[in-house]
Amino acid sequence: MESGGTVAEVGSLFIRLKAQASEFERAMEGVGNKVSGIGGTMKDVGGDLTKNVTAPIIGIGGASVAAAIDFESAFAGVRKTVDGSEGDFERLESGIREMAQELPAS
């Protein structure tokens, strides 16, 4: 050996490097397990948000659209049976919408 090292020193160095590599592998395995656990937790949080927040918001939106369609349909029936000007219908519709905001609903 030209660098002055012996076979025993080279062997010792190899053993230490091998031990450090094994220790590094175990540490990285632990990190991987922790990251995997965090990923699972985030997936659960996302599922809970979808179920408890997003779905109800979509339901409320759907109910609002259904109510608007029902109102327009009913108001079209009023237009067919009441003889009035366009201004009369606008005032009537506005009055109904204002009442809906003021009156309690169950």
PDB file of N, CA and C in Angstrom:
ATOM      1  N   MET A   1       0.831  -1.159   0.000  1.00  0.00           N
ATOM      2  CA  MET A   1       0.000   0.000   0.000  1.00  0.00           C
ATOM      3  C   MET A   1       0.884   1.234   0.000  1.00  0.00           C
ATOM      4  N   GLU A   2       0.677   2.065  -0.967  1.00  0.00           N
ATOM      5  CA  GLU A   2       1.548   3.227  -1.138  1.00  0.00           C
ATOM      6  C   GLU A   2       1.218   4.342  -0.163  1.00  0.00           C
ATOM      7  N   SER A   3      -0.012   4.461   0.278  1.00  0.00           N
ATOM      8  CA  SER A   3      -0.369   5.565   1.158  1.00  0.00           C
ATOM      9  C   SER A   3       0.043   5.305   2.593  1.00  0.00           C
ATOM     10  N   GLY A   4       0.629   4.212   2.838  1.00  0.00           N
ATOM     11  CA  GLY A   4       1.119   3.923   4.167  1.00  0.00           C
ATOM     12  C   GLY A   4       0.123   3.172   5.010  1.00  0.00           C
ATOM     13  N   GLY A   5      -1.075   2.869   4.483  1.00  0.00           N
ATOM     14  CA  GLY A   5      -2.088   2.154   5.233  1.00  0.00           C
ATOM     15  C   GLY A   5      -1.867   0.658   5.149  1.00  0.00           C
ATOM     16  N   THR A   6      -2.324  -0.048   6.131  1.00  0.00           N
ATOM     17  CA  THR A   6      -2.195  -1.499   6.132  1.00  0.00           C
ATOM     18  C   THR A   6      -3.500  -2.113   5.704  1.00  0.00           C
ATOM     19  N   VAL A   7      -3.452  -3.378   5.437  1.00  0.00           N
ATOM     20  CA  VAL A   7      -4.660  -4.112   5.071  1.00  0.00           C
ATOM     21  C   VAL A   7      -5.657  -4.057   6.216  1.00  0.00           C
ATOM     22  N   ALA A   8      -5.179  -4.114   7.446  1.00  0.00           N
ATOM     23  CA  ALA A   8      -6.054  -4.056   8.611  1.00  0.00           C
ATOM     24  C   ALA A   8      -6.766  -2.707   8.686  1.00  0.00           C
ATOM     25  N   GLU A   9      -6.046  -1.621   8.380  1.00  0.00           N
ATOM     26  CA  GLU A   9      -6.654  -0.292   8.402  1.00  0.00           C
ATOM     27  C   GLU A   9      -7.712  -0.157   7.322  1.00  0.00           C
ATOM     28  N   VAL A  10      -7.414  -0.662   6.146  1.00  0.00           N
ATOM     29  CA  VAL A  10      -8.385  -0.621   5.045  1.00  0.00           C
ATOM     30  C   VAL A  10      -9.614  -1.439   5.415  1.00  0.00           C
ATOM     31  N   GLY A  11      -9.394  -2.611   5.993  1.00  0.00           N
ATOM     32  CA  GLY A  11     -10.512  -3.457   6.423  1.00  0.00           C
ATOM     33  C   GLY A  11     -11.353  -2.779   7.486  1.00  0.00           C
ATOM     34  N   SER A  12     -10.700  -2.117   8.425  1.00  0.00           N
ATOM     35  CA  SER A  12     -11.398  -1.408   9.495  1.00  0.00           C
ATOM     36  C   SER A  12     -12.229  -0.258   8.924  1.00  0.00           C
ATOM     37  N   LEU A  13     -11.641   0.468   7.982  1.00  0.00           N
ATOM     38  CA  LEU A  13     -12.346   1.562   7.328  1.00  0.00           C
ATOM     39  C   LEU A  13     -13.576   1.039   6.589  1.00  0.00           C
ATOM     40  N   PHE A  14     -13.423  -0.068   5.902  1.00  0.00           N
ATOM     41  CA  PHE A  14     -14.529  -0.676   5.164  1.00  0.00           C
ATOM     42  C   PHE A  14     -15.655  -1.069   6.121  1.00  0.00           C
ATOM     43  N   ILE A  15     -15.306  -1.654   7.250  1.00  0.00           N
ATOM     44  CA  ILE A  15     -16.315  -2.081   8.236  1.00  0.00           C
ATOM     45  C   ILE A  15     -17.058  -0.860   8.790  1.00  0.00           C
ATOM     46  N   ARG A  16     -16.327   0.214   9.096  1.00  0.00           N
ATOM     47  CA  ARG A  16     -16.971   1.426   9.612  1.00  0.00           C
ATOM     48  C   ARG A  16     -17.908   2.047   8.573  1.00  0.00           C
ATOM     49  N   LEU A  17     -17.455   2.105   7.319  1.00  0.00           N
ATOM     50  CA  LEU A  17     -18.306   2.646   6.257  1.00  0.00           C
ATOM     51  C   LEU A  17     -19.550   1.799   6.075  1.00  0.00           C
ATOM     52  N   LYS A  18     -19.391   0.490   6.115  1.00  0.00           N
ATOM     53  CA  LYS A  18     -20.526  -0.426   5.960  1.00  0.00           C
ATOM     54  C   LYS A  18     -21.509  -0.219   7.112  1.00  0.00           C
ATOM     55  N   ALA A  19     -21.004  -0.083   8.339  1.00  0.00           N
ATOM     56  CA  ALA A  19     -21.866   0.131   9.501  1.00  0.00           C
ATOM     57  C   ALA A  19     -22.609   1.460   9.384  1.00  0.00           C
ATOM     58  N   GLN A  20     -21.929   2.509   8.928  1.00  0.00           N
ATOM     59  CA  GLN A  20     -22.570   3.812   8.770  1.00  0.00           C
ATOM     60  C   GLN A  20     -23.626   3.762   7.671  1.00  0.00           C
ATOM     61  N   ALA A  21     -23.378   3.032   6.605  1.00  0.00           N
ATOM     62  CA  ALA A  21     -24.355   2.894   5.524  1.00  0.00           C
ATOM     63  C   ALA A  21     -25.594   2.172   6.029  1.00  0.00           C
ATOM     64  N   SER A  22     -25.391   1.132   6.843  1.00  0.00           N
ATOM     65  CA  SER A  22     -26.532   0.397   7.400  1.00  0.00           C
ATOM     66  C   SER A  22     -27.341   1.296   8.335  1.00  0.00           C
ATOM     67  N   GLU A  23     -26.650   2.085   9.141  1.00  0.00           N
ATOM     68  CA  GLU A  23     -27.322   3.021  10.040  1.00  0.00           C
ATOM     69  C   GLU A  23     -28.103   4.065   9.239  1.00  0.00           C
ATOM     70  N   PHE A  24     -27.525   4.545   8.155  1.00  0.00           N
ATOM     71  CA  PHE A  24     -28.190   5.512   7.286  1.00  0.00           C
ATOM     72  C   PHE A  24     -29.446   4.897   6.660  1.00  0.00           C
ATOM     73  N   GLU A  25     -29.335   3.646   6.225  1.00  0.00           N
ATOM     74  CA  GLU A  25     -30.496   2.963   5.631  1.00  0.00           C
ATOM     75  C   GLU A  25     -31.632   2.850   6.644  1.00  0.00           C
ATOM     76  N   ARG A  26     -31.291   2.489   7.899  1.00  0.00           N
ATOM     77  CA  ARG A  26     -32.330   2.380   8.940  1.00  0.00           C
ATOM     78  C   ARG A  26     -32.974   3.740   9.201  1.00  0.00           C
ATOM     79  N   ALA A  27     -32.159   4.785   9.241  1.00  0.00           N
ATOM     80  CA  ALA A  27     -32.692   6.129   9.471  1.00  0.00           C
ATOM     81  C   ALA A  27     -33.624   6.541   8.330  1.00  0.00           C
ATOM     82  N   MET A  28     -33.225   6.258   7.107  1.00  0.00           N
ATOM     83  CA  MET A  28     -34.060   6.619   5.955  1.00  0.00           C
ATOM     84  C   MET A  28     -35.349   5.796   5.934  1.00  0.00           C
ATOM     85  N   GLU A  29     -35.282   4.571   6.375  1.00  0.00           N
ATOM     86  CA  GLU A  29     -36.484   3.742   6.453  1.00  0.00           C
ATOM     87  C   GLU A  29     -37.458   4.352   7.466  1.00  0.00           C
ATOM     88  N   GLY A  30     -36.912   4.824   8.597  1.00  0.00           N
ATOM     89  CA  GLY A  30     -37.759   5.486   9.598  1.00  0.00           C
ATOM     90  C   GLY A  30     -38.390   6.750   9.048  1.00  0.00           C
ATOM     91  N   VAL A  31     -37.613   7.536   8.318  1.00  0.00           N
ATOM     92  CA  VAL A  31     -38.144   8.759   7.705  1.00  0.00           C
ATOM     93  C   VAL A  31     -39.242   8.402   6.701  1.00  0.00           C
ATOM     94  N   GLY A  32     -38.988   7.364   5.905  1.00  0.00           N
ATOM     95  CA  GLY A  32     -39.994   6.936   4.922  1.00  0.00           C
ATOM     96  C   GLY A  32     -41.296   6.518   5.588  1.00  0.00           C
ATOM     97  N   ASN A  33     -41.190   5.806   6.716  1.00  0.00           N
ATOM     98  CA  ASN A  33     -42.389   5.381   7.441  1.00  0.00           C
ATOM     99  C   ASN A  33     -43.164   6.584   7.980  1.00  0.00           C
ATOM    100  N   LYS A  34     -42.415   7.570   8.503  1.00  0.00           N
ATOM    101  CA  LYS A  34     -43.071   8.774   9.020  1.00  0.00           C
ATOM    102  C   LYS A  34     -43.765   9.540   7.901  1.00  0.00           C
ATOM    103  N   VAL A  35     -43.098   9.690   6.764  1.00  0.00           N
ATOM    104  CA  VAL A  35     -43.697  10.403   5.629  1.00  0.00           C
ATOM    105  C   VAL A  35     -44.938   9.652   5.142  1.00  0.00           C
ATOM    106  N   SER A  36     -44.859   8.343   5.105  1.00  0.00           N
ATOM    107  CA  SER A  36     -46.007   7.537   4.688  1.00  0.00           C
ATOM    108  C   SER A  36     -47.175   7.731   5.654  1.00  0.00           C
ATOM    109  N   GLY A  37     -46.862   7.773   6.951  1.00  0.00           N
ATOM    110  CA  GLY A  37     -47.911   8.007   7.951  1.00  0.00           C
ATOM    111  C   GLY A  37     -48.551   9.368   7.793  1.00  0.00           C
ATOM    112  N   ILE A  38     -47.741  10.384   7.529  1.00  0.00           N
ATOM    113  CA  ILE A  38     -48.268  11.737   7.311  1.00  0.00           C
ATOM    114  C   ILE A  38     -49.148  11.760   6.070  1.00  0.00           C
ATOM    115  N   GLY A  39     -48.715  11.060   5.022  1.00  0.00           N
ATOM    116  CA  GLY A  39     -49.520  10.992   3.802  1.00  0.00           C
ATOM    117  C   GLY A  39     -50.877  10.366   4.065  1.00  0.00           C
ATOM    118  N   GLY A  40     -50.894   9.300   4.865  1.00  0.00           N
ATOM    119  CA  GLY A  40     -52.171   8.660   5.214  1.00  0.00           C
ATOM    120  C   GLY A  40     -53.066   9.594   5.999  1.00  0.00           C
ATOM    121  N   THR A  41     -52.464  10.339   6.930  1.00  0.00           N
ATOM    122  CA  THR A  41     -53.233  11.296   7.717  1.00  0.00           C
ATOM    123  C   THR A  41     -53.814  12.386   6.823  1.00  0.00           C
ATOM    124  N   MET A  42     -53.007  12.893   5.890  1.00  0.00           N
ATOM    125  CA  MET A  42     -53.494  13.924   4.975  1.00  0.00           C
ATOM    126  C   MET A  42     -54.627  13.397   4.107  1.00  0.00           C
ATOM    127  N   LYS A  43     -54.528  12.135   3.702  1.00  0.00           N
ATOM    128  CA  LYS A  43     -55.601  11.529   2.904  1.00  0.00           C
ATOM    129  C   LYS A  43     -56.884  11.469   3.721  1.00  0.00           C
ATOM    130  N   ASP A  44     -56.768  11.101   5.005  1.00  0.00           N
ATOM    131  CA  ASP A  44     -57.942  11.059   5.876  1.00  0.00           C
ATOM    132  C   ASP A  44     -58.551  12.446   6.054  1.00  0.00           C
ATOM    133  N   VAL A  45     -57.699  13.458   6.233  1.00  0.00           N
ATOM    134  CA  VAL A  45     -58.187  14.839   6.377  1.00  0.00           C
ATOM    135  C   VAL A  45     -58.917  15.273   5.109  1.00  0.00           C
ATOM    136  N   GLY A  46     -58.341  14.947   3.960  1.00  0.00           N
ATOM    137  CA  GLY A  46     -58.992  15.295   2.695  1.00  0.00           C
ATOM    138  C   GLY A  46     -60.349  14.628   2.552  1.00  0.00           C
ATOM    139  N   GLY A  47     -60.421  13.363   2.948  1.00  0.00           N
ATOM    140  CA  GLY A  47     -61.703  12.650   2.895  1.00  0.00           C
ATOM    141  C   GLY A  47     -62.726  13.273   3.825  1.00  0.00           C
ATOM    142  N   ASP A  48     -62.282  13.643   5.034  1.00  0.00           N
ATOM    143  CA  ASP A  48     -63.196  14.287   5.985  1.00  0.00           C
ATOM    144  C   ASP A  48     -63.684  15.630   5.462  1.00  0.00           C
ATOM    145  N   LEU A  49     -62.776  16.414   4.864  1.00  0.00           N
ATOM    146  CA  LEU A  49     -63.187  17.705   4.305  1.00  0.00           C
ATOM    147  C   LEU A  49     -64.214  17.518   3.196  1.00  0.00           C
ATOM    148  N   THR A  50     -63.968  16.532   2.342  1.00  0.00           N
ATOM    149  CA  THR A  50     -64.912  16.276   1.255  1.00  0.00           C
ATOM    150  C   THR A  50     -66.283  15.898   1.807  1.00  0.00           C
ATOM    151  N   LYS A  51     -66.271  15.004   2.783  1.00  0.00           N
ATOM    152  CA  LYS A  51     -67.535  14.502   3.334  1.00  0.00           C
ATOM    153  C   LYS A  51     -68.253  15.557   4.173  1.00  0.00           C
ATOM    154  N   ASN A  52     -67.520  16.298   4.991  1.00  0.00           N
ATOM    155  CA  ASN A  52     -68.151  17.191   5.955  1.00  0.00           C
ATOM    156  C   ASN A  52     -68.248  18.651   5.523  1.00  0.00           C
ATOM    157  N   VAL A  53     -67.520  19.048   4.492  1.00  0.00           N
ATOM    158  CA  VAL A  53     -67.555  20.450   4.057  1.00  0.00           C
ATOM    159  C   VAL A  53     -68.030  20.572   2.610  1.00  0.00           C
ATOM    160  N   THR A  54     -67.328  19.927   1.705  1.00  0.00           N
ATOM    161  CA  THR A  54     -67.633  20.088   0.281  1.00  0.00           C
ATOM    162  C   THR A  54     -69.017  19.538  -0.075  1.00  0.00           C
ATOM    163  N   ALA A  55     -69.326  18.339   0.364  1.00  0.00           N
ATOM    164  CA  ALA A  55     -70.619  17.734   0.016  1.00  0.00           C
ATOM    165  C   ALA A  55     -71.800  18.582   0.503  1.00  0.00           C
ATOM    166  N   PRO A  56     -71.792  19.063   1.769  1.00  0.00           N
ATOM    167  CA  PRO A  56     -72.898  19.927   2.189  1.00  0.00           C
ATOM    168  C   PRO A  56     -72.995  21.230   1.383  1.00  0.00           C
ATOM    169  N   ILE A  57     -71.848  21.802   1.026  1.00  0.00           N
ATOM    170  CA  ILE A  57     -71.877  23.037   0.226  1.00  0.00           C
ATOM    171  C   ILE A  57     -72.527  22.758  -1.126  1.00  0.00           C
ATOM    172  N   ILE A  58     -72.172  21.630  -1.734  1.00  0.00           N
ATOM    173  CA  ILE A  58     -72.778  21.265  -3.020  1.00  0.00           C
ATOM    174  C   ILE A  58     -74.276  21.029  -2.841  1.00  0.00           C
ATOM    175  N   GLY A  59     -74.644  20.396  -1.720  1.00  0.00           N
ATOM    176  CA  GLY A  59     -76.067  20.163  -1.446  1.00  0.00           C
ATOM    177  C   GLY A  59     -76.843  21.457  -1.285  1.00  0.00           C
ATOM    178  N   ILE A  60     -76.243  22.405  -0.574  1.00  0.00           N
ATOM    179  CA  ILE A  60     -76.899  23.706  -0.392  1.00  0.00           C
ATOM    180  C   ILE A  60     -77.048  24.408  -1.740  1.00  0.00           C
ATOM    181  N   GLY A  61     -76.000  24.337  -2.557  1.00  0.00           N
ATOM    182  CA  GLY A  61     -76.069  24.941  -3.896  1.00  0.00           C
ATOM    183  C   GLY A  61     -77.169  24.312  -4.734  1.00  0.00           C
ATOM    184  N   GLY A  62     -77.264  22.991  -4.663  1.00  0.00           N
ATOM    185  CA  GLY A  62     -78.308  22.286  -5.413  1.00  0.00           C
ATOM    186  C   GLY A  62     -79.697  22.670  -4.927  1.00  0.00           C
ATOM    187  N   ALA A  63     -79.855  22.791  -3.597  1.00  0.00           N
ATOM    188  CA  ALA A  63     -81.153  23.181  -3.036  1.00  0.00           C
ATOM    189  C   ALA A  63     -81.505  24.609  -3.453  1.00  0.00           C
ATOM    190  N   SER A  64     -80.515  25.476  -3.499  1.00  0.00           N
ATOM    191  CA  SER A  64     -80.757  26.863  -3.920  1.00  0.00           C
ATOM    192  C   SER A  64     -81.211  26.927  -5.369  1.00  0.00           C
ATOM    193  N   VAL A  65     -80.551  26.140  -6.202  1.00  0.00           N
ATOM    194  CA  VAL A  65     -80.943  26.105  -7.623  1.00  0.00           C
ATOM    195  C   VAL A  65     -82.357  25.556  -7.761  1.00  0.00           C
ATOM    196  N   ALA A  66     -82.669  24.499  -7.010  1.00  0.00           N
ATOM    197  CA  ALA A  66     -84.008  23.912  -7.074  1.00  0.00           C
ATOM    198  C   ALA A  66     -85.060  24.924  -6.613  1.00  0.00           C
ATOM    199  N   ALA A  67     -84.758  25.672  -5.546  1.00  0.00           N
ATOM    200  CA  ALA A  67     -85.703  26.680  -5.053  1.00  0.00           C
ATOM    201  C   ALA A  67     -85.901  27.782  -6.089  1.00  0.00           C
ATOM    202  N   ALA A  68     -84.827  28.207  -6.736  1.00  0.00           N
ATOM    203  CA  ALA A  68     -84.938  29.246  -7.766  1.00  0.00           C
ATOM    204  C   ALA A  68     -85.787  28.755  -8.939  1.00  0.00           C
ATOM    205  N   ILE A  69     -85.578  27.510  -9.333  1.00  0.00           N
ATOM    206  CA  ILE A  69     -86.372  26.949 -10.437  1.00  0.00           C
ATOM    207  C   ILE A  69     -87.838  26.872 -10.035  1.00  0.00           C
ATOM    208  N   ASP A  70     -88.113  26.426  -8.794  1.00  0.00           N
ATOM    209  CA  ASP A  70     -89.499  26.343  -8.319  1.00  0.00           C
ATOM    210  C   ASP A  70     -90.150  27.728  -8.301  1.00  0.00           C
ATOM    211  N   PHE A  71     -89.404  28.729  -7.855  1.00  0.00           N
ATOM    212  CA  PHE A  71     -89.950  30.083  -7.802  1.00  0.00           C
ATOM    213  C   PHE A  71     -90.281  30.578  -9.206  1.00  0.00           C
ATOM    214  N   GLU A  72     -89.343  30.402 -10.129  1.00  0.00           N
ATOM    215  CA  GLU A  72     -89.571  30.864 -11.512  1.00  0.00           C
ATOM    216  C   GLU A  72     -90.762  30.159 -12.136  1.00  0.00           C
ATOM    217  N   SER A  73     -90.893  28.870 -11.850  1.00  0.00           N
ATOM    218  CA  SER A  73     -92.025  28.101 -12.393  1.00  0.00           C
ATOM    219  C   SER A  73     -93.344  28.612 -11.810  1.00  0.00           C
ATOM    220  N   ALA A  74     -93.361  28.825 -10.496  1.00  0.00           N
ATOM    221  CA  ALA A  74     -94.580  29.322  -9.856  1.00  0.00           C
ATOM    222  C   ALA A  74     -94.916  30.726 -10.339  1.00  0.00           C
ATOM    223  N   PHE A  75     -93.902  31.567 -10.513  1.00  0.00           N
ATOM    224  CA  PHE A  75     -94.142  32.936 -10.963  1.00  0.00           C
ATOM    225  C   PHE A  75     -94.641  32.945 -12.404  1.00  0.00           C
ATOM    226  N   ALA A  76     -94.190  31.990 -13.196  1.00  0.00           N
ATOM    227  CA  ALA A  76     -94.717  31.886 -14.565  1.00  0.00           C
ATOM    228  C   ALA A  76     -96.203  31.574 -14.535  1.00  0.00           C
ATOM    229  N   GLY A  77     -96.619  30.756 -13.565  1.00  0.00           N
ATOM    230  CA  GLY A  77     -98.053  30.472 -13.405  1.00  0.00           C
ATOM    231  C   GLY A  77     -98.831  31.715 -13.021  1.00  0.00           C
ATOM    232  N   VAL A  78     -98.240  32.561 -12.181  1.00  0.00           N
ATOM    233  CA  VAL A  78     -98.885  33.811 -11.786  1.00  0.00           C
ATOM    234  C   VAL A  78     -99.041  34.702 -13.019  1.00  0.00           C
ATOM    235  N   ARG A  79     -98.009  34.776 -13.843  1.00  0.00           N
ATOM    236  CA  ARG A  79     -98.069  35.606 -15.064  1.00  0.00           C
ATOM    237  C   ARG A  79     -99.218  35.157 -15.980  1.00  0.00           C
ATOM    238  N   LYS A  80     -99.473  33.850 -16.005  1.00  0.00           N
ATOM    239  CA  LYS A  80    -100.528  33.334 -16.891  1.00  0.00           C
ATOM    240  C   LYS A  80    -101.914  33.702 -16.387  1.00  0.00           C
ATOM    241  N   THR A  81    -102.058  33.814 -15.062  1.00  0.00           N
ATOM    242  CA  THR A  81    -103.401  34.018 -14.502  1.00  0.00           C
ATOM    243  C   THR A  81    -103.701  35.463 -14.107  1.00  0.00           C
ATOM    244  N   VAL A  82    -102.686  36.307 -13.989  1.00  0.00           N
ATOM    245  CA  VAL A  82    -102.891  37.693 -13.559  1.00  0.00           C
ATOM    246  C   VAL A  82    -102.646  38.612 -14.752  1.00  0.00           C
ATOM    247  N   ASP A  83    -103.555  39.537 -14.920  1.00  0.00           N
ATOM    248  CA  ASP A  83    -103.404  40.501 -16.003  1.00  0.00           C
ATOM    249  C   ASP A  83    -102.698  41.730 -15.438  1.00  0.00           C
ATOM    250  N   GLY A  84    -101.431  41.906 -15.813  1.00  0.00           N
ATOM    251  CA  GLY A  84    -100.682  43.053 -15.299  1.00  0.00           C
ATOM    252  C   GLY A  84     -99.591  43.438 -16.276  1.00  0.00           C
ATOM    253  N   SER A  85     -99.039  44.623 -16.036  1.00  0.00           N
ATOM    254  CA  SER A  85     -97.964  45.094 -16.899  1.00  0.00           C
ATOM    255  C   SER A  85     -96.635  44.482 -16.425  1.00  0.00           C
ATOM    256  N   GLU A  86     -95.601  44.653 -17.229  1.00  0.00           N
ATOM    257  CA  GLU A  86     -94.277  44.138 -16.862  1.00  0.00           C
ATOM    258  C   GLU A  86     -93.797  44.804 -15.577  1.00  0.00           C
ATOM    259  N   GLY A  87     -94.079  46.073 -15.407  1.00  0.00           N
ATOM    260  CA  GLY A  87     -93.724  46.793 -14.178  1.00  0.00           C
ATOM    261  C   GLY A  87     -94.438  46.213 -12.959  1.00  0.00           C
ATOM    262  N   ASP A  88     -95.725  45.854 -13.147  1.00  0.00           N
ATOM    263  CA  ASP A  88     -96.484  45.237 -12.047  1.00  0.00           C
ATOM    264  C   ASP A  88     -95.831  43.922 -11.622  1.00  0.00           C
ATOM    265  N   PHE A  89     -95.442  43.108 -12.604  1.00  0.00           N
ATOM    266  CA  PHE A  89     -94.814  41.822 -12.287  1.00  0.00           C
ATOM    267  C   PHE A  89     -93.452  42.015 -11.612  1.00  0.00           C
ATOM    268  N   GLU A  90     -92.711  43.023 -12.031  1.00  0.00           N
ATOM    269  CA  GLU A  90     -91.409  43.298 -11.409  1.00  0.00           C
ATOM    270  C   GLU A  90     -91.585  43.704  -9.949  1.00  0.00           C
ATOM    271  N   ARG A  91     -92.580  44.560  -9.675  1.00  0.00           N
ATOM    272  CA  ARG A  91     -92.838  44.986  -8.296  1.00  0.00           C
ATOM    273  C   ARG A  91     -93.337  43.805  -7.454  1.00  0.00           C
ATOM    274  N   LEU A  92     -94.176  42.980  -8.023  1.00  0.00           N
ATOM    275  CA  LEU A  92     -94.691  41.807  -7.308  1.00  0.00           C
ATOM    276  C   LEU A  92     -93.549  40.850  -6.971  1.00  0.00           C
ATOM    277  N   GLU A  93     -92.711  40.568  -7.955  1.00  0.00           N
ATOM    278  CA  GLU A  93     -91.575  39.661  -7.729  1.00  0.00           C
ATOM    279  C   GLU A  93     -90.633  40.235  -6.675  1.00  0.00           C
ATOM    280  N   SER A  94     -90.354  41.523  -6.762  1.00  0.00           N
ATOM    281  CA  SER A  94     -89.473  42.171  -5.803  1.00  0.00           C
ATOM    282  C   SER A  94     -90.061  42.090  -4.392  1.00  0.00           C
ATOM    283  N   GLY A  95     -91.352  42.314  -4.283  1.00  0.00           N
ATOM    284  CA  GLY A  95     -92.030  42.235  -2.983  1.00  0.00           C
ATOM    285  C   GLY A  95     -91.968  40.836  -2.399  1.00  0.00           C
ATOM    286  N   ILE A  96     -92.160  39.841  -3.222  1.00  0.00           N
ATOM    287  CA  ILE A  96     -92.095  38.449  -2.751  1.00  0.00           C
ATOM    288  C   ILE A  96     -90.683  38.124  -2.267  1.00  0.00           C
ATOM    289  N   ARG A  97     -89.694  38.537  -3.016  1.00  0.00           N
ATOM    290  CA  ARG A  97     -88.303  38.260  -2.628  1.00  0.00           C
ATOM    291  C   ARG A  97     -87.936  38.989  -1.328  1.00  0.00           C
ATOM    292  N   GLU A  98     -88.417  40.215  -1.129  1.00  0.00           N
ATOM    293  CA  GLU A  98     -88.149  40.945   0.109  1.00  0.00           C
ATOM    294  C   GLU A  98     -88.823  40.270   1.291  1.00  0.00           C
ATOM    295  N   MET A  99     -90.057  39.796   1.096  1.00  0.00           N
ATOM    296  CA  MET A  99     -90.761  39.084   2.158  1.00  0.00           C
ATOM    297  C   MET A  99     -90.007  37.816   2.556  1.00  0.00           C
ATOM    298  N   ALA A 100     -89.475  37.127   1.584  1.00  0.00           N
ATOM    299  CA  ALA A 100     -88.747  35.884   1.855  1.00  0.00           C
ATOM    300  C   ALA A 100     -87.512  36.139   2.714  1.00  0.00           C
ATOM    301  N   GLN A 101     -86.934  37.332   2.616  1.00  0.00           N
ATOM    302  CA  GLN A 101     -85.745  37.652   3.415  1.00  0.00           C
ATOM    303  C   GLN A 101     -86.134  38.093   4.830  1.00  0.00           C
ATOM    304  N   GLU A 102     -87.360  38.568   5.012  1.00  0.00           N
ATOM    305  CA  GLU A 102     -87.774  39.097   6.313  1.00  0.00           C
ATOM    306  C   GLU A 102     -88.533  38.073   7.147  1.00  0.00           C
ATOM    307  N   LEU A 103     -89.294  37.209   6.525  1.00  0.00           N
ATOM    308  CA  LEU A 103     -90.124  36.259   7.260  1.00  0.00           C
ATOM    309  C   LEU A 103     -89.299  35.049   7.678  1.00  0.00           C
ATOM    310  N   PRO A 104     -89.521  34.566   8.924  1.00  0.00           N
ATOM    311  CA  PRO A 104     -88.787  33.370   9.337  1.00  0.00           C
ATOM    312  C   PRO A 104     -89.315  32.145   8.581  1.00  0.00           C
ATOM    313  N   ALA A 105     -88.396  31.210   8.351  1.00  0.00           N
ATOM    314  CA  ALA A 105     -88.777  29.985   7.647  1.00  0.00           C
ATOM    315  C   ALA A 105     -88.375  28.799   8.499  1.00  0.00           C
ATOM    316  N   SER A 106     -89.186  27.766   8.461  1.00  0.00           N
ATOM    317  CA  SER A 106     -88.856  26.571   9.259  1.00  0.00           C
ATOM    318  C   SER A 106     -88.240  25.514   8.365  1.00  0.00           C
TER     319      SER A 106
END
